[in-house]
């Protein structure tokens, strides 16, 4: 089963929303020309998904032409007026936290929790004033931290129907998502001619571009696999995302920056891996591995953890309890969920743009 394409799913939801006021056409199951995506995939052996961005089972692929994030939002993306280096990831201290698979790394710190010129950072704060990244104006209020500035910027992204450069509420799970892609292909409006080019988005919005570069400079991504795809998720308390894999459309590595509230993510072996791990044992499924995602932390997983494990956050849960299988904190801790943002950075393969 091929990985589900973010762009097609988001455009399909937009198409559905436009048609809610009219009677929907009947789907002809016997028509081979009607392309469909089967989203019954979550922990199947052949399951490959993209962050669980499913709409409904067997959702039709939209024929609408995709838009770059600049075109989609008509340049409504909030400005970012902080100086270069404001979102430095020098606080990152990645550490491998799992023996099997040995490809899950975590850093409880990434962005600074305090303003760059706060006294706690060893510099003078008295003569400085903050800059509002949205209105490009100075403020007499105490300077905000990089985390706070990024949260403000995310909050100011407009809402819309496409989910490309704007917040889109998904029909399943009800969480909001937003996607930015470098070099996202453009297609002709003619259904008989499908051409692609890389003449659209040449870069990410400034704060995401800076973070992508920081991930390279910190050695998390290589220059050749520099992040060119960022998925933003907004979680209200209790919301989660079902177990999924991100699929072969991307280089087999992902880095997720968490903001605001803590939450526990779970890793579960895919079906074939689960069966292999149960051989010669009591035939009991392996309990999920847990990772506590703290505010301003970064989780990186690659290779085996990316390919052979599903990752997800339990849905309709308002507090998590850590187990003996939590990789980065002790068991029996209660983690209360609040409002949360996640920013997932990946490198989409060029061959996938050309399809």
C-alpha atoms as a PDB file:
ATOM      1  CA  UNK A   1       0.000   0.000   0.000  1.00  0.00           C
ATOM      2  CA  UNK A   2       1.404   3.374  -0.956  1.00  0.00           C
ATOM      3  CA  UNK A   3       1.680   6.205   1.520  1.00  0.00           C
ATOM      4  CA  UNK A   4      -1.199   8.646   1.613  1.00  0.00           C
ATOM      5  CA  UNK A   5      -0.385  12.065   0.216  1.00  0.00           C
ATOM      6  CA  UNK A   6      -0.996  15.002   2.572  1.00  0.00           C
ATOM      7  CA  UNK A   7      -1.840  17.352  -0.237  1.00  0.00           C
ATOM      8  CA  UNK A   8      -4.469  15.119  -1.826  1.00  0.00           C
ATOM      9  CA  UNK A   9      -6.166  14.432   1.487  1.00  0.00           C
ATOM     10  CA  UNK A  10      -6.325  18.090   2.463  1.00  0.00           C
ATOM     11  CA  UNK A  11      -7.644  19.081  -0.950  1.00  0.00           C
ATOM     12  CA  UNK A  12     -10.228  16.321  -0.717  1.00  0.00           C
ATOM     13  CA  UNK A  13     -11.487  17.731   2.572  1.00  0.00           C
ATOM     14  CA  UNK A  14     -11.714  21.176   1.006  1.00  0.00           C
ATOM     15  CA  UNK A  15     -13.646  19.729  -1.916  1.00  0.00           C
ATOM     16  CA  UNK A  16     -16.030  17.941   0.460  1.00  0.00           C
ATOM     17  CA  UNK A  17     -16.664  21.099   2.478  1.00  0.00           C
ATOM     18  CA  UNK A  18     -17.693  22.946  -0.674  1.00  0.00           C
ATOM     19  CA  UNK A  19     -20.178  20.226  -1.573  1.00  0.00           C
ATOM     20  CA  UNK A  20     -21.905  19.880   1.809  1.00  0.00           C
ATOM     21  CA  UNK A  21     -24.772  22.105   0.691  1.00  0.00           C
ATOM     22  CA  UNK A  22     -25.549  19.927  -2.344  1.00  0.00           C
ATOM     23  CA  UNK A  23     -26.393  16.253  -2.694  1.00  0.00           C
ATOM     24  CA  UNK A  24     -23.152  14.321  -3.069  1.00  0.00           C
ATOM     25  CA  UNK A  25     -22.762  12.120  -6.131  1.00  0.00           C
ATOM     26  CA  UNK A  26     -22.926   8.370  -5.696  1.00  0.00           C
ATOM     27  CA  UNK A  27     -19.634   6.582  -5.794  1.00  0.00           C
ATOM     28  CA  UNK A  28     -19.433   3.893  -8.430  1.00  0.00           C
ATOM     29  CA  UNK A  29     -17.495   0.982  -6.966  1.00  0.00           C
ATOM     30  CA  UNK A  30     -17.356  -0.636 -10.397  1.00  0.00           C
ATOM     31  CA  UNK A  31     -15.687   2.324 -12.094  1.00  0.00           C
ATOM     32  CA  UNK A  32     -11.949   1.608 -12.315  1.00  0.00           C
ATOM     33  CA  UNK A  33     -11.281   5.229 -13.247  1.00  0.00           C
ATOM     34  CA  UNK A  34     -12.344   6.469  -9.824  1.00  0.00           C
ATOM     35  CA  UNK A  35      -9.151   6.609  -7.782  1.00  0.00           C
ATOM     36  CA  UNK A  36      -9.576   5.900  -4.071  1.00  0.00           C
ATOM     37  CA  UNK A  37      -7.371   5.817  -1.018  1.00  0.00           C
ATOM     38  CA  UNK A  38      -7.920   3.084   1.532  1.00  0.00           C
ATOM     39  CA  UNK A  39      -7.251   4.490   4.989  1.00  0.00           C
ATOM     40  CA  UNK A  40      -7.808   1.221   6.899  1.00  0.00           C
ATOM     41  CA  UNK A  41      -4.134   0.946   7.548  1.00  0.00           C
ATOM     42  CA  UNK A  42      -3.183   1.903  11.015  1.00  0.00           C
ATOM     43  CA  UNK A  43      -1.098  -1.038  12.248  1.00  0.00           C
ATOM     44  CA  UNK A  44      -1.179  -3.273   9.211  1.00  0.00           C
ATOM     45  CA  UNK A  45       2.063  -4.836   8.070  1.00  0.00           C
ATOM     46  CA  UNK A  46       1.832  -2.833   4.861  1.00  0.00           C
ATOM     47  CA  UNK A  47       0.626   0.284   6.632  1.00  0.00           C
ATOM     48  CA  UNK A  48       2.302   3.474   5.530  1.00  0.00           C
ATOM     49  CA  UNK A  49       0.570   6.730   6.368  1.00  0.00           C
ATOM     50  CA  UNK A  50       1.435  10.353   6.714  1.00  0.00           C
ATOM     51  CA  UNK A  51       0.737  11.431  10.293  1.00  0.00           C
ATOM     52  CA  UNK A  52      -2.740   9.918  10.254  1.00  0.00           C
ATOM     53  CA  UNK A  53      -4.148  12.645   8.035  1.00  0.00           C
ATOM     54  CA  UNK A  54      -7.010  10.459   6.899  1.00  0.00           C
ATOM     55  CA  UNK A  55     -10.394  11.874   6.022  1.00  0.00           C
ATOM     56  CA  UNK A  56     -12.684   8.888   5.739  1.00  0.00           C
ATOM     57  CA  UNK A  57     -12.259   5.293   4.561  1.00  0.00           C
ATOM     58  CA  UNK A  58     -11.781   5.046   0.802  1.00  0.00           C
ATOM     59  CA  UNK A  59     -11.776   8.801   0.293  1.00  0.00           C
ATOM     60  CA  UNK A  60     -11.623   9.878  -3.349  1.00  0.00           C
ATOM     61  CA  UNK A  61      -8.579  11.776  -4.543  1.00  0.00           C
ATOM     62  CA  UNK A  62      -9.407  15.337  -5.489  1.00  0.00           C
ATOM     63  CA  UNK A  63      -8.689  16.518  -9.024  1.00  0.00           C
ATOM     64  CA  UNK A  64      -8.310  20.108  -7.835  1.00  0.00           C
ATOM     65  CA  UNK A  65      -4.877  21.581  -8.635  1.00  0.00           C
ATOM     66  CA  UNK A  66      -2.620  21.871  -5.578  1.00  0.00           C
ATOM     67  CA  UNK A  67      -1.433  25.226  -4.368  1.00  0.00           C
ATOM     68  CA  UNK A  68       1.844  26.288  -2.875  1.00  0.00           C
ATOM     69  CA  UNK A  69       1.550  27.655   0.638  1.00  0.00           C
ATOM     70  CA  UNK A  70       2.229  31.187  -0.665  1.00  0.00           C
ATOM     71  CA  UNK A  71      -0.613  30.940  -3.193  1.00  0.00           C
ATOM     72  CA  UNK A  72      -2.957  29.173  -0.793  1.00  0.00           C
ATOM     73  CA  UNK A  73      -2.805  31.882   1.850  1.00  0.00           C
ATOM     74  CA  UNK A  74      -2.382  34.865  -0.491  1.00  0.00           C
ATOM     75  CA  UNK A  75       0.570  35.975   1.640  1.00  0.00           C
ATOM     76  CA  UNK A  76      -1.465  36.029   4.865  1.00  0.00           C
ATOM     77  CA  UNK A  77       1.241  34.140   6.734  1.00  0.00           C
ATOM     78  CA  UNK A  78       2.184  36.222   9.801  1.00  0.00           C
ATOM     79  CA  UNK A  79       5.465  38.063   9.630  1.00  0.00           C
ATOM     80  CA  UNK A  80       8.471  37.118  11.725  1.00  0.00           C
ATOM     81  CA  UNK A  81      10.614  40.056  12.834  1.00  0.00           C
ATOM     82  CA  UNK A  82      13.012  38.420  15.254  1.00  0.00           C
ATOM     83  CA  UNK A  83      16.692  38.527  14.293  1.00  0.00           C
ATOM     84  CA  UNK A  84      18.498  35.552  12.721  1.00  0.00           C
ATOM     85  CA  UNK A  85      19.609  33.077  15.357  1.00  0.00           C
ATOM     86  CA  UNK A  86      16.684  33.820  17.676  1.00  0.00           C
ATOM     87  CA  UNK A  87      15.477  30.220  17.286  1.00  0.00           C
ATOM     88  CA  UNK A  88      18.859  28.686  17.934  1.00  0.00           C
ATOM     89  CA  UNK A  89      18.811  25.022  18.933  1.00  0.00           C
ATOM     90  CA  UNK A  90      22.080  25.213  20.846  1.00  0.00           C
ATOM     91  CA  UNK A  91      20.276  23.853  23.910  1.00  0.00           C
ATOM     92  CA  UNK A  92      19.695  20.530  22.141  1.00  0.00           C
ATOM     93  CA  UNK A  93      21.414  17.555  23.769  1.00  0.00           C
ATOM     94  CA  UNK A  94      20.128  14.529  21.865  1.00  0.00           C
ATOM     95  CA  UNK A  95      20.558  11.192  23.571  1.00  0.00           C
ATOM     96  CA  UNK A  96      19.633   7.718  22.359  1.00  0.00           C
ATOM     97  CA  UNK A  97      16.949   6.531  24.772  1.00  0.00           C
ATOM     98  CA  UNK A  98      16.201   3.038  23.486  1.00  0.00           C
ATOM     99  CA  UNK A  99      18.210  -0.138  22.934  1.00  0.00           C
ATOM    100  CA  UNK A 100      15.625  -1.784  20.699  1.00  0.00           C
ATOM    101  CA  UNK A 101      15.186  -0.040  18.371  1.00  0.00           C
ATOM    102  CA  UNK A 102      18.365   2.007  18.919  1.00  0.00           C
ATOM    103  CA  UNK A 103      17.132   4.765  16.615  1.00  0.00           C
ATOM    104  CA  UNK A 104      14.997   6.879  18.964  1.00  0.00           C
ATOM    105  CA  UNK A 105      16.703   9.990  20.335  1.00  0.00           C
ATOM    106  CA  UNK A 106      15.349  12.690  22.591  1.00  0.00           C
ATOM    107  CA  UNK A 107      16.389  16.034  24.020  1.00  0.00           C
ATOM    108  CA  UNK A 108      14.340  17.588  26.813  1.00  0.00           C
ATOM    109  CA  UNK A 109      15.637  20.986  25.737  1.00  0.00           C
ATOM    110  CA  UNK A 110      15.839  22.626  22.347  1.00  0.00           C
ATOM    111  CA  UNK A 111      14.636  26.214  22.268  1.00  0.00           C
ATOM    112  CA  UNK A 112      15.629  28.408  25.173  1.00  0.00           C
ATOM    113  CA  UNK A 113      12.949  28.821  27.836  1.00  0.00           C
ATOM    114  CA  UNK A 114      14.125  32.346  28.626  1.00  0.00           C
ATOM    115  CA  UNK A 115      14.720  35.420  26.437  1.00  0.00           C
ATOM    116  CA  UNK A 116      18.148  35.366  24.766  1.00  0.00           C
ATOM    117  CA  UNK A 117      19.300  38.399  26.806  1.00  0.00           C
ATOM    118  CA  UNK A 118      17.690  37.309  30.065  1.00  0.00           C
ATOM    119  CA  UNK A 119      19.930  37.506  33.122  1.00  0.00           C
ATOM    120  CA  UNK A 120      19.745  33.732  33.363  1.00  0.00           C
ATOM    121  CA  UNK A 121      21.642  33.535  30.088  1.00  0.00           C
ATOM    122  CA  UNK A 122      24.456  35.701  31.445  1.00  0.00           C
ATOM    123  CA  UNK A 123      23.674  38.918  29.572  1.00  0.00           C
ATOM    124  CA  UNK A 124      22.092  42.222  30.481  1.00  0.00           C
ATOM    125  CA  UNK A 125      18.339  42.558  30.097  1.00  0.00           C
ATOM    126  CA  UNK A 126      17.719  46.039  31.450  1.00  0.00           C
ATOM    127  CA  UNK A 127      18.045  48.084  28.272  1.00  0.00           C
ATOM    128  CA  UNK A 128      16.156  45.818  25.899  1.00  0.00           C
ATOM    129  CA  UNK A 129      12.611  45.798  24.628  1.00  0.00           C
ATOM    130  CA  UNK A 130      10.703  43.106  22.822  1.00  0.00           C
ATOM    131  CA  UNK A 131       9.590  43.040  19.208  1.00  0.00           C
ATOM    132  CA  UNK A 132       6.159  41.793  18.295  1.00  0.00           C
ATOM    133  CA  UNK A 133       6.838  39.251  15.501  1.00  0.00           C
ATOM    134  CA  UNK A 134       3.327  39.706  14.123  1.00  0.00           C
ATOM    135  CA  UNK A 135       2.950  43.488  14.089  1.00  0.00           C
ATOM    136  CA  UNK A 136       6.661  44.295  13.694  1.00  0.00           C
ATOM    137  CA  UNK A 137       6.471  46.776  16.545  1.00  0.00           C
ATOM    138  CA  UNK A 138       8.459  47.250  19.725  1.00  0.00           C
ATOM    139  CA  UNK A 139       6.869  46.613  23.081  1.00  0.00           C
ATOM    140  CA  UNK A 140       7.786  47.720  26.577  1.00  0.00           C
ATOM    141  CA  UNK A 141       6.825  44.346  27.953  1.00  0.00           C
ATOM    142  CA  UNK A 142       9.472  41.900  29.088  1.00  0.00           C
ATOM    143  CA  UNK A 143      11.073  40.020  26.227  1.00  0.00           C
ATOM    144  CA  UNK A 144       9.504  36.732  25.291  1.00  0.00           C
ATOM    145  CA  UNK A 145      11.409  33.487  24.999  1.00  0.00           C
ATOM    146  CA  UNK A 146      11.936  31.796  21.621  1.00  0.00           C
ATOM    147  CA  UNK A 147       9.307  29.208  22.579  1.00  0.00           C
ATOM    148  CA  UNK A 148       6.760  31.890  23.398  1.00  0.00           C
ATOM    149  CA  UNK A 149       7.512  33.801  20.200  1.00  0.00           C
ATOM    150  CA  UNK A 150       7.075  30.660  18.110  1.00  0.00           C
ATOM    151  CA  UNK A 151       3.811  29.809  19.860  1.00  0.00           C
ATOM    152  CA  UNK A 152       2.519  33.326  19.112  1.00  0.00           C
ATOM    153  CA  UNK A 153       3.475  32.953  15.464  1.00  0.00           C
ATOM    154  CA  UNK A 154       1.703  29.596  15.196  1.00  0.00           C
ATOM    155  CA  UNK A 155      -1.428  31.030  16.796  1.00  0.00           C
ATOM    156  CA  UNK A 156      -1.460  33.813  14.198  1.00  0.00           C
ATOM    157  CA  UNK A 157      -1.479  31.503  11.159  1.00  0.00           C
ATOM    158  CA  UNK A 158      -4.877  31.987   9.470  1.00  0.00           C
ATOM    159  CA  UNK A 159      -7.528  29.301   9.201  1.00  0.00           C
ATOM    160  CA  UNK A 160      -8.774  28.013   5.866  1.00  0.00           C
ATOM    161  CA  UNK A 161      -9.995  25.063   3.848  1.00  0.00           C
ATOM    162  CA  UNK A 162      -6.769  23.869   2.235  1.00  0.00           C
ATOM    163  CA  UNK A 163      -4.494  23.146   5.192  1.00  0.00           C
ATOM    164  CA  UNK A 164      -1.596  24.355   3.042  1.00  0.00           C
ATOM    165  CA  UNK A 165      -0.148  27.352   4.847  1.00  0.00           C
ATOM    166  CA  UNK A 166      -3.325  27.687   6.914  1.00  0.00           C
ATOM    167  CA  UNK A 167      -4.947  25.814   9.765  1.00  0.00           C
ATOM    168  CA  UNK A 168      -7.415  23.149   8.639  1.00  0.00           C
ATOM    169  CA  UNK A 169      -9.708  21.238  11.013  1.00  0.00           C
ATOM    170  CA  UNK A 170      -9.626  17.559  10.111  1.00  0.00           C
ATOM    171  CA  UNK A 171     -12.956  15.729   9.974  1.00  0.00           C
ATOM    172  CA  UNK A 172     -11.517  12.796  11.928  1.00  0.00           C
ATOM    173  CA  UNK A 173     -10.062  13.590  15.310  1.00  0.00           C
ATOM    174  CA  UNK A 174     -11.000  17.291  14.955  1.00  0.00           C
ATOM    175  CA  UNK A 175      -7.457  18.474  15.516  1.00  0.00           C
ATOM    176  CA  UNK A 176      -6.135  21.297  13.349  1.00  0.00           C
ATOM    177  CA  UNK A 177      -3.255  20.775  10.938  1.00  0.00           C
ATOM    178  CA  UNK A 178      -1.164  23.000   8.713  1.00  0.00           C
ATOM    179  CA  UNK A 179       1.451  22.001   6.137  1.00  0.00           C
ATOM    180  CA  UNK A 180       4.365  23.818   4.503  1.00  0.00           C
ATOM    181  CA  UNK A 181       6.341  22.252   1.653  1.00  0.00           C
ATOM    182  CA  UNK A 182       9.405  23.474  -0.229  1.00  0.00           C
ATOM    183  CA  UNK A 183       9.198  22.868  -3.965  1.00  0.00           C
ATOM    184  CA  UNK A 184       5.622  21.599  -3.827  1.00  0.00           C
ATOM    185  CA  UNK A 185       4.637  20.647  -7.385  1.00  0.00           C
ATOM    186  CA  UNK A 186       2.021  22.488  -9.415  1.00  0.00           C
ATOM    187  CA  UNK A 187      -0.364  20.579 -11.642  1.00  0.00           C
ATOM    188  CA  UNK A 188      -2.401  21.748 -14.611  1.00  0.00           C
ATOM    189  CA  UNK A 189      -6.135  22.180 -14.153  1.00  0.00           C
ATOM    190  CA  UNK A 190      -6.787  19.855 -17.069  1.00  0.00           C
ATOM    191  CA  UNK A 191      -7.605  16.341 -15.822  1.00  0.00           C
ATOM    192  CA  UNK A 192      -6.057  14.847 -18.976  1.00  0.00           C
ATOM    193  CA  UNK A 193      -2.698  16.565 -18.529  1.00  0.00           C
ATOM    194  CA  UNK A 194      -0.825  16.209 -15.255  1.00  0.00           C
ATOM    195  CA  UNK A 195       2.514  18.016 -15.230  1.00  0.00           C
ATOM    196  CA  UNK A 196       4.617  18.934 -12.246  1.00  0.00           C
ATOM    197  CA  UNK A 197       7.347  21.451 -11.648  1.00  0.00           C
ATOM    198  CA  UNK A 198       9.365  22.672  -8.703  1.00  0.00           C
ATOM    199  CA  UNK A 199       8.695  26.344  -9.372  1.00  0.00           C
ATOM    200  CA  UNK A 200       6.494  26.983  -6.335  1.00  0.00           C
ATOM    201  CA  UNK A 201       7.606  27.430  -2.723  1.00  0.00           C
ATOM    202  CA  UNK A 202      11.350  28.023  -2.730  1.00  0.00           C
ATOM    203  CA  UNK A 203      11.632  28.171   1.060  1.00  0.00           C
ATOM    204  CA  UNK A 204       9.698  27.690   4.264  1.00  0.00           C
ATOM    205  CA  UNK A 205       8.280  30.631   6.252  1.00  0.00           C
ATOM    206  CA  UNK A 206      11.110  32.391   8.151  1.00  0.00           C
ATOM    207  CA  UNK A 207      10.775  30.724  11.592  1.00  0.00           C
ATOM    208  CA  UNK A 208      10.412  27.256  10.075  1.00  0.00           C
ATOM    209  CA  UNK A 209      13.257  27.935   7.646  1.00  0.00           C
ATOM    210  CA  UNK A 210      15.481  28.929  10.557  1.00  0.00           C
ATOM    211  CA  UNK A 211      14.574  25.799  12.508  1.00  0.00           C
ATOM    212  CA  UNK A 212      15.189  23.596   9.452  1.00  0.00           C
ATOM    213  CA  UNK A 213      18.654  25.111   9.072  1.00  0.00           C
ATOM    214  CA  UNK A 214      19.319  24.653  12.780  1.00  0.00           C
ATOM    215  CA  UNK A 215      18.462  20.953  12.478  1.00  0.00           C
ATOM    216  CA  UNK A 216      21.137  20.678   9.800  1.00  0.00           C
ATOM    217  CA  UNK A 217      23.717  22.676  11.754  1.00  0.00           C
ATOM    218  CA  UNK A 218      23.128  20.520  14.829  1.00  0.00           C
ATOM    219  CA  UNK A 219      23.787  17.411  12.736  1.00  0.00           C
ATOM    220  CA  UNK A 220      20.268  16.032  13.071  1.00  0.00           C
ATOM    221  CA  UNK A 221      19.712  16.204   9.291  1.00  0.00           C
ATOM    222  CA  UNK A 222      22.396  16.271   6.614  1.00  0.00           C
ATOM    223  CA  UNK A 223      22.568  19.070   4.025  1.00  0.00           C
ATOM    224  CA  UNK A 224      21.357  16.544   1.440  1.00  0.00           C
ATOM    225  CA  UNK A 225      18.311  15.614   3.543  1.00  0.00           C
ATOM    226  CA  UNK A 226      17.570  19.111   4.816  1.00  0.00           C
ATOM    227  CA  UNK A 227      13.913  19.356   5.942  1.00  0.00           C
ATOM    228  CA  UNK A 228      11.685  20.532   3.099  1.00  0.00           C
ATOM    229  CA  UNK A 229       8.362  19.501   4.625  1.00  0.00           C
ATOM    230  CA  UNK A 230       6.890  20.720   7.924  1.00  0.00           C
ATOM    231  CA  UNK A 231       3.619  19.479   9.387  1.00  0.00           C
ATOM    232  CA  UNK A 232       2.071  21.472  12.218  1.00  0.00           C
ATOM    233  CA  UNK A 233      -0.452  19.858  14.550  1.00  0.00           C
ATOM    234  CA  UNK A 234      -2.584  21.691  17.094  1.00  0.00           C
ATOM    235  CA  UNK A 235      -3.928  19.516  19.899  1.00  0.00           C
ATOM    236  CA  UNK A 236      -6.676  20.548  22.289  1.00  0.00           C
ATOM    237  CA  UNK A 237      -6.657  18.776  25.692  1.00  0.00           C
ATOM    238  CA  UNK A 238      -7.606  15.130  25.180  1.00  0.00           C
ATOM    239  CA  UNK A 239      -6.891  15.046  21.466  1.00  0.00           C
ATOM    240  CA  UNK A 240      -4.410  12.581  19.999  1.00  0.00           C
ATOM    241  CA  UNK A 241      -3.432  10.841  16.784  1.00  0.00           C
ATOM    242  CA  UNK A 242      -3.875   7.181  15.939  1.00  0.00           C
ATOM    243  CA  UNK A 243      -0.858   4.888  15.455  1.00  0.00           C
ATOM    244  CA  UNK A 244       0.667   5.371  12.012  1.00  0.00           C
ATOM    245  CA  UNK A 245       3.867   5.410   9.995  1.00  0.00           C
ATOM    246  CA  UNK A 246       4.935   8.319   7.827  1.00  0.00           C
ATOM    247  CA  UNK A 247       5.596   6.244   4.746  1.00  0.00           C
ATOM    248  CA  UNK A 248       8.200   5.929   1.977  1.00  0.00           C
ATOM    249  CA  UNK A 249       7.579   9.374   0.484  1.00  0.00           C
ATOM    250  CA  UNK A 250      10.056  10.766   2.997  1.00  0.00           C
ATOM    251  CA  UNK A 251      13.622  10.131   3.975  1.00  0.00           C
ATOM    252  CA  UNK A 252      13.346   7.709   6.896  1.00  0.00           C
ATOM    253  CA  UNK A 253      13.846  10.259   9.650  1.00  0.00           C
ATOM    254  CA  UNK A 254      11.655  12.753  11.447  1.00  0.00           C
ATOM    255  CA  UNK A 255      12.256  15.431  14.069  1.00  0.00           C
ATOM    256  CA  UNK A 256       9.351  16.740  16.146  1.00  0.00           C
ATOM    257  CA  UNK A 257       9.493  19.889  18.234  1.00  0.00           C
ATOM    258  CA  UNK A 258       6.849  20.024  20.987  1.00  0.00           C
ATOM    259  CA  UNK A 259       5.461  23.235  22.464  1.00  0.00           C
ATOM    260  CA  UNK A 260       3.125  24.174  25.336  1.00  0.00           C
ATOM    261  CA  UNK A 261       1.785  21.082  27.132  1.00  0.00           C
ATOM    262  CA  UNK A 262       3.523  17.735  27.754  1.00  0.00           C
ATOM    263  CA  UNK A 263       2.126  14.499  26.351  1.00  0.00           C
ATOM    264  CA  UNK A 264       3.134  10.839  26.077  1.00  0.00           C
ATOM    265  CA  UNK A 265       3.768   9.348  22.634  1.00  0.00           C
ATOM    266  CA  UNK A 266       3.642   5.602  22.079  1.00  0.00           C
ATOM    267  CA  UNK A 267       5.660   3.404  19.706  1.00  0.00           C
ATOM    268  CA  UNK A 268       4.196   0.018  18.758  1.00  0.00           C
ATOM    269  CA  UNK A 269       5.776  -2.558  16.415  1.00  0.00           C
ATOM    270  CA  UNK A 270       4.071  -2.998  13.089  1.00  0.00           C
ATOM    271  CA  UNK A 271       2.300  -6.317  12.556  1.00  0.00           C
ATOM    272  CA  UNK A 272       5.162  -8.275  11.034  1.00  0.00           C
ATOM    273  CA  UNK A 273       7.653  -6.921  13.573  1.00  0.00           C
ATOM    274  CA  UNK A 274       5.250  -7.719  16.403  1.00  0.00           C
ATOM    275  CA  UNK A 275       4.924 -11.335  15.266  1.00  0.00           C
ATOM    276  CA  UNK A 276       8.706 -11.696  15.026  1.00  0.00           C
ATOM    277  CA  UNK A 277       9.208 -10.295  18.514  1.00  0.00           C
ATOM    278  CA  UNK A 278       6.614 -12.691  19.979  1.00  0.00           C
ATOM    279  CA  UNK A 279       8.286 -15.813  18.602  1.00  0.00           C
ATOM    280  CA  UNK A 280       9.779 -17.947  21.369  1.00  0.00           C
ATOM    281  CA  UNK A 281       8.056 -15.911  24.073  1.00  0.00           C
ATOM    282  CA  UNK A 282       4.715 -16.102  25.804  1.00  0.00           C
ATOM    283  CA  UNK A 283       3.046 -14.850  22.595  1.00  0.00           C
ATOM    284  CA  UNK A 284       1.892 -11.728  24.375  1.00  0.00           C
ATOM    285  CA  UNK A 285       2.092  -8.513  22.346  1.00  0.00           C
ATOM    286  CA  UNK A 286       4.889  -6.195  23.296  1.00  0.00           C
ATOM    287  CA  UNK A 287       3.583  -3.249  25.365  1.00  0.00           C
ATOM    288  CA  UNK A 288       3.968   0.141  23.670  1.00  0.00           C
ATOM    289  CA  UNK A 289       7.185   2.017  24.223  1.00  0.00           C
ATOM    290  CA  UNK A 290       6.488   5.447  25.671  1.00  0.00           C
ATOM    291  CA  UNK A 291       8.275   8.771  25.277  1.00  0.00           C
ATOM    292  CA  UNK A 292       7.357  11.778  27.390  1.00  0.00           C
ATOM    293  CA  UNK A 293       7.351  14.824  25.106  1.00  0.00           C
ATOM    294  CA  UNK A 294       8.068  17.854  27.257  1.00  0.00           C
ATOM    295  CA  UNK A 295       7.543  21.485  26.206  1.00  0.00           C
ATOM    296  CA  UNK A 296      10.377  22.726  23.954  1.00  0.00           C
ATOM    297  CA  UNK A 297      11.736  19.177  23.567  1.00  0.00           C
ATOM    298  CA  UNK A 298      12.797  17.444  20.354  1.00  0.00           C
ATOM    299  CA  UNK A 299      12.134  13.816  19.465  1.00  0.00           C
ATOM    300  CA  UNK A 300      14.113  12.288  16.593  1.00  0.00           C
ATOM    301  CA  UNK A 301      13.565   8.814  15.243  1.00  0.00           C
ATOM    302  CA  UNK A 302      14.908   7.216  12.107  1.00  0.00           C
ATOM    303  CA  UNK A 303      15.519   3.982  10.214  1.00  0.00           C
ATOM    304  CA  UNK A 304      14.181   1.004  12.204  1.00  0.00           C
ATOM    305  CA  UNK A 305      11.996   3.125  14.490  1.00  0.00           C
ATOM    306  CA  UNK A 306      10.646   4.993  11.462  1.00  0.00           C
ATOM    307  CA  UNK A 307      10.094   1.950   9.238  1.00  0.00           C
ATOM    308  CA  UNK A 308       9.119  -0.843  11.627  1.00  0.00           C
ATOM    309  CA  UNK A 309       7.173   0.966  14.341  1.00  0.00           C
ATOM    310  CA  UNK A 310       3.934   2.931  14.399  1.00  0.00           C
ATOM    311  CA  UNK A 311       3.857   6.059  16.530  1.00  0.00           C
ATOM    312  CA  UNK A 312       0.804   7.767  17.952  1.00  0.00           C
ATOM    313  CA  UNK A 313      -0.814   9.564  20.872  1.00  0.00           C
ATOM    314  CA  UNK A 314      -3.841   7.905  22.526  1.00  0.00           C
ATOM    315  CA  UNK A 315      -7.041   9.714  21.609  1.00  0.00           C
ATOM    316  CA  UNK A 316      -9.731  10.990  23.993  1.00  0.00           C
ATOM    317  CA  UNK A 317      -7.329  10.884  26.935  1.00  0.00           C
ATOM    318  CA  UNK A 318      -6.936  13.861  29.283  1.00  0.00           C
ATOM    319  CA  UNK A 319      -4.037  12.496  31.281  1.00  0.00           C
ATOM    320  CA  UNK A 320      -1.320   9.958  30.561  1.00  0.00           C
ATOM    321  CA  UNK A 321       0.277   7.536  32.989  1.00  0.00           C
ATOM    322  CA  UNK A 322       3.832   6.434  32.346  1.00  0.00           C
ATOM    323  CA  UNK A 323       4.697   2.753  32.497  1.00  0.00           C
ATOM    324  CA  UNK A 324       7.835   0.683  33.001  1.00  0.00           C
ATOM    325  CA  UNK A 325       8.278   0.966  29.238  1.00  0.00           C
ATOM    326  CA  UNK A 326       8.630   4.740  29.252  1.00  0.00           C
ATOM    327  CA  UNK A 327      12.052   5.490  27.788  1.00  0.00           C
ATOM    328  CA  UNK A 328      12.851   8.843  29.367  1.00  0.00           C
ATOM    329  CA  UNK A 329      11.142   9.079  32.749  1.00  0.00           C
ATOM    330  CA  UNK A 330      10.081   6.864  35.628  1.00  0.00           C
ATOM    331  CA  UNK A 331       6.894   4.821  35.758  1.00  0.00           C
ATOM    332  CA  UNK A 332       3.587   5.761  37.387  1.00  0.00           C
ATOM    333  CA  UNK A 333       3.798   9.459  36.649  1.00  0.00           C
ATOM    334  CA  UNK A 334       0.590  11.261  35.762  1.00  0.00           C
ATOM    335  CA  UNK A 335       0.945  13.665  32.842  1.00  0.00           C
ATOM    336  CA  UNK A 336      -1.930  16.119  32.502  1.00  0.00           C
ATOM    337  CA  UNK A 337      -2.563  17.159  28.926  1.00  0.00           C
ATOM    338  CA  UNK A 338      -3.203  20.741  27.945  1.00  0.00           C
ATOM    339  CA  UNK A 339      -3.131  22.703  24.702  1.00  0.00           C
ATOM    340  CA  UNK A 340      -0.171  21.623  22.568  1.00  0.00           C
ATOM    341  CA  UNK A 341       1.598  22.312  19.272  1.00  0.00           C
ATOM    342  CA  UNK A 342       3.885  19.915  17.443  1.00  0.00           C
ATOM    343  CA  UNK A 343       6.141  20.787  14.506  1.00  0.00           C
ATOM    344  CA  UNK A 344       7.317  17.764  12.530  1.00  0.00           C
ATOM    345  CA  UNK A 345      10.242  18.252  10.154  1.00  0.00           C
ATOM    346  CA  UNK A 346      10.960  15.787   7.345  1.00  0.00           C
ATOM    347  CA  UNK A 347      12.663  15.560   3.980  1.00  0.00           C
ATOM    348  CA  UNK A 348      10.321  14.630   1.165  1.00  0.00           C
ATOM    349  CA  UNK A 349      12.039  12.722  -1.605  1.00  0.00           C
ATOM    350  CA  UNK A 350      12.339  14.517  -4.932  1.00  0.00           C
ATOM    351  CA  UNK A 351      10.990  11.501  -6.792  1.00  0.00           C
ATOM    352  CA  UNK A 352       7.751  11.874  -4.853  1.00  0.00           C
ATOM    353  CA  UNK A 353       7.388  15.454  -6.101  1.00  0.00           C
ATOM    354  CA  UNK A 354       7.702  14.204  -9.665  1.00  0.00           C
ATOM    355  CA  UNK A 355       4.899  11.634  -9.480  1.00  0.00           C
END
